[in-house]
Amino acid sequence: MKKLTPALALACALAPSLSEAQVRIDMTKITCGEILAMSPDDKSDFAALMSGWFSQKSGRTYIDVGLFQKNVASVIDWCGSNKSESVFAGLQRASEKK
């Protein structure tokens, strides 16, 4: 019982900080400027997330790595001249044209 009390106190002290670690990000509001400012790892994660979302939306159940890399390069290139544009909105417009 003597060991349980300090462990329980520590767990209770850490619990509020753990629950505050959750962050919500509205992906539709991320701009090209924000993407261009991301680290390479964050850009890669963002690209994978958006690719997965659009693949699911279009019913694709496969990954074409070559096409994925081409699309990421295309989006980064487009973002270079549209820094204030929402990446999500641009991707939606591009996918509707296909």
C-alpha atoms as a PDB file:
ATOM      1  CA  MET A   1       0.000   0.000   0.000  1.00  0.00           C
ATOM      2  CA  LYS A   2       2.921   2.344   0.712  1.00  0.00           C
ATOM      3  CA  LYS A   3       4.141   2.015  -2.892  1.00  0.00           C
ATOM      4  CA  LEU A   4       0.688   2.313  -4.391  1.00  0.00           C
ATOM      5  CA  THR A   5      -0.100   5.731  -2.883  1.00  0.00           C
ATOM      6  CA  PRO A   6       2.848   7.623  -4.470  1.00  0.00           C
ATOM      7  CA  ALA A   7       2.269   5.864  -7.798  1.00  0.00           C
ATOM      8  CA  LEU A   8      -1.410   6.792  -7.724  1.00  0.00           C
ATOM      9  CA  ALA A   9      -0.564  10.398  -6.814  1.00  0.00           C
ATOM     10  CA  LEU A  10       1.890  10.581  -9.708  1.00  0.00           C
ATOM     11  CA  ALA A  11      -0.648   9.122 -12.121  1.00  0.00           C
ATOM     12  CA  CYS A  12      -3.268  11.656 -11.009  1.00  0.00           C
ATOM     13  CA  ALA A  13      -0.779  14.501 -11.383  1.00  0.00           C
ATOM     14  CA  LEU A  14       0.128  13.470 -14.927  1.00  0.00           C
ATOM     15  CA  ALA A  15      -3.408  12.733 -16.123  1.00  0.00           C
ATOM     16  CA  PRO A  16      -4.445  16.363 -16.827  1.00  0.00           C
ATOM     17  CA  SER A  17      -1.301  17.055 -18.850  1.00  0.00           C
ATOM     18  CA  LEU A  18      -1.800  13.916 -20.921  1.00  0.00           C
ATOM     19  CA  SER A  19      -5.356  14.812 -21.808  1.00  0.00           C
ATOM     20  CA  GLU A  20      -4.278  18.271 -22.980  1.00  0.00           C
ATOM     21  CA  ALA A  21      -1.898  16.759 -25.523  1.00  0.00           C
ATOM     22  CA  GLN A  22      -4.751  16.342 -28.010  1.00  0.00           C
ATOM     23  CA  VAL A  23      -4.720  18.985 -30.741  1.00  0.00           C
ATOM     24  CA  ARG A  24      -7.318  19.570 -33.437  1.00  0.00           C
ATOM     25  CA  ILE A  25      -6.209  20.841 -36.802  1.00  0.00           C
ATOM     26  CA  ASP A  26      -8.646  21.928 -39.484  1.00  0.00           C
ATOM     27  CA  MET A  27      -6.944  20.494 -42.576  1.00  0.00           C
ATOM     28  CA  THR A  28      -9.114  22.610 -44.873  1.00  0.00           C
ATOM     29  CA  LYS A  29      -7.505  25.797 -43.558  1.00  0.00           C
ATOM     30  CA  ILE A  30      -3.845  24.885 -44.120  1.00  0.00           C
ATOM     31  CA  THR A  31      -2.372  27.215 -46.716  1.00  0.00           C
ATOM     32  CA  CYS A  32       0.318  26.583 -49.279  1.00  0.00           C
ATOM     33  CA  GLY A  33       2.587  28.986 -47.406  1.00  0.00           C
ATOM     34  CA  GLU A  34       2.259  26.831 -44.301  1.00  0.00           C
ATOM     35  CA  ILE A  35       3.050  23.698 -46.304  1.00  0.00           C
ATOM     36  CA  LEU A  36       6.122  25.277 -47.849  1.00  0.00           C
ATOM     37  CA  ALA A  37       7.343  26.289 -44.367  1.00  0.00           C
ATOM     38  CA  MET A  38       6.998  22.733 -42.971  1.00  0.00           C
ATOM     39  CA  SER A  39       9.945  20.479 -42.309  1.00  0.00           C
ATOM     40  CA  PRO A  40      10.445  17.714 -44.889  1.00  0.00           C
ATOM     41  CA  ASP A  41       9.081  15.123 -42.419  1.00  0.00           C
ATOM     42  CA  ASP A  42       5.942  17.178 -41.749  1.00  0.00           C
ATOM     43  CA  LYS A  43       5.421  17.755 -45.489  1.00  0.00           C
ATOM     44  CA  SER A  44       5.680  14.022 -46.045  1.00  0.00           C
ATOM     45  CA  ASP A  45       3.150  13.280 -43.293  1.00  0.00           C
ATOM     46  CA  PHE A  46       0.744  15.920 -44.608  1.00  0.00           C
ATOM     47  CA  ALA A  47       1.054  14.595 -48.166  1.00  0.00           C
ATOM     48  CA  ALA A  48       0.369  11.030 -47.027  1.00  0.00           C
ATOM     49  CA  LEU A  49      -2.675  12.113 -45.021  1.00  0.00           C
ATOM     50  CA  MET A  50      -4.159  14.144 -47.855  1.00  0.00           C
ATOM     51  CA  SER A  51      -3.409  11.406 -50.395  1.00  0.00           C
ATOM     52  CA  GLY A  52      -5.159   8.863 -48.208  1.00  0.00           C
ATOM     53  CA  TRP A  53      -8.184  11.109 -47.764  1.00  0.00           C
ATOM     54  CA  PHE A  54      -8.556  11.755 -51.490  1.00  0.00           C
ATOM     55  CA  SER A  55      -7.929   8.086 -52.329  1.00  0.00           C
ATOM     56  CA  GLN A  56     -10.688   7.036 -49.953  1.00  0.00           C
ATOM     57  CA  LYS A  57     -13.009   9.683 -51.377  1.00  0.00           C
ATOM     58  CA  SER A  58     -12.452   8.410 -54.909  1.00  0.00           C
ATOM     59  CA  GLY A  59     -12.749   4.745 -53.894  1.00  0.00           C
ATOM     60  CA  ARG A  60      -9.149   3.777 -54.691  1.00  0.00           C
ATOM     61  CA  THR A  61      -7.850   0.906 -52.583  1.00  0.00           C
ATOM     62  CA  TYR A  62      -4.287   0.851 -53.884  1.00  0.00           C
ATOM     63  CA  ILE A  63      -1.194   3.045 -53.681  1.00  0.00           C
ATOM     64  CA  ASP A  64       0.715   4.037 -56.795  1.00  0.00           C
ATOM     65  CA  VAL A  65       3.994   5.305 -55.288  1.00  0.00           C
ATOM     66  CA  GLY A  66       5.172   6.867 -58.552  1.00  0.00           C
ATOM     67  CA  LEU A  67       1.903   8.743 -59.009  1.00  0.00           C
ATOM     68  CA  PHE A  68       1.954   9.791 -55.347  1.00  0.00           C
ATOM     69  CA  GLN A  69       5.440  11.305 -55.709  1.00  0.00           C
ATOM     70  CA  LYS A  70       4.428  13.041 -58.962  1.00  0.00           C
ATOM     71  CA  ASN A  71       1.307  14.477 -57.315  1.00  0.00           C
ATOM     72  CA  VAL A  72       3.238  15.721 -54.273  1.00  0.00           C
ATOM     73  CA  ALA A  73       5.775  17.455 -56.536  1.00  0.00           C
ATOM     74  CA  SER A  74       2.914  19.002 -58.525  1.00  0.00           C
ATOM     75  CA  VAL A  75       1.191  20.321 -55.397  1.00  0.00           C
ATOM     76  CA  ILE A  76       4.446  21.770 -54.016  1.00  0.00           C
ATOM     77  CA  ASP A  77       5.095  23.440 -57.376  1.00  0.00           C
ATOM     78  CA  TRP A  78       1.543  24.862 -57.472  1.00  0.00           C
ATOM     79  CA  CYS A  79       1.883  26.074 -53.899  1.00  0.00           C
ATOM     80  CA  GLY A  80       4.968  28.068 -54.844  1.00  0.00           C
ATOM     81  CA  SER A  81       2.799  30.532 -56.749  1.00  0.00           C
ATOM     82  CA  ASN A  82      -0.349  30.256 -54.580  1.00  0.00           C
ATOM     83  CA  LYS A  83       0.985  30.735 -51.035  1.00  0.00           C
ATOM     84  CA  SER A  84      -2.227  32.171 -49.574  1.00  0.00           C
ATOM     85  CA  GLU A  85      -4.445  29.509 -51.175  1.00  0.00           C
ATOM     86  CA  SER A  86      -5.860  26.635 -49.120  1.00  0.00           C
ATOM     87  CA  VAL A  87      -4.131  23.402 -50.126  1.00  0.00           C
ATOM     88  CA  PHE A  88      -7.339  21.469 -49.560  1.00  0.00           C
ATOM     89  CA  ALA A  89      -9.354  23.750 -51.847  1.00  0.00           C
ATOM     90  CA  GLY A  90      -6.741  23.477 -54.575  1.00  0.00           C
ATOM     91  CA  LEU A  91      -6.664  19.701 -54.295  1.00  0.00           C
ATOM     92  CA  GLN A  92     -10.450  19.520 -54.441  1.00  0.00           C
ATOM     93  CA  ARG A  93     -10.570  21.681 -57.581  1.00  0.00           C
ATOM     94  CA  ALA A  94      -7.860  19.553 -59.215  1.00  0.00           C
ATOM     95  CA  SER A  95      -9.620  16.286 -58.367  1.00  0.00           C
ATOM     96  CA  GLU A  96     -12.985  17.554 -59.668  1.00  0.00           C
ATOM     97  CA  LYS A  97     -11.444  18.276 -63.082  1.00  0.00           C
ATOM     98  CA  LYS A  98     -10.449  14.629 -63.594  1.00  0.00           C
END
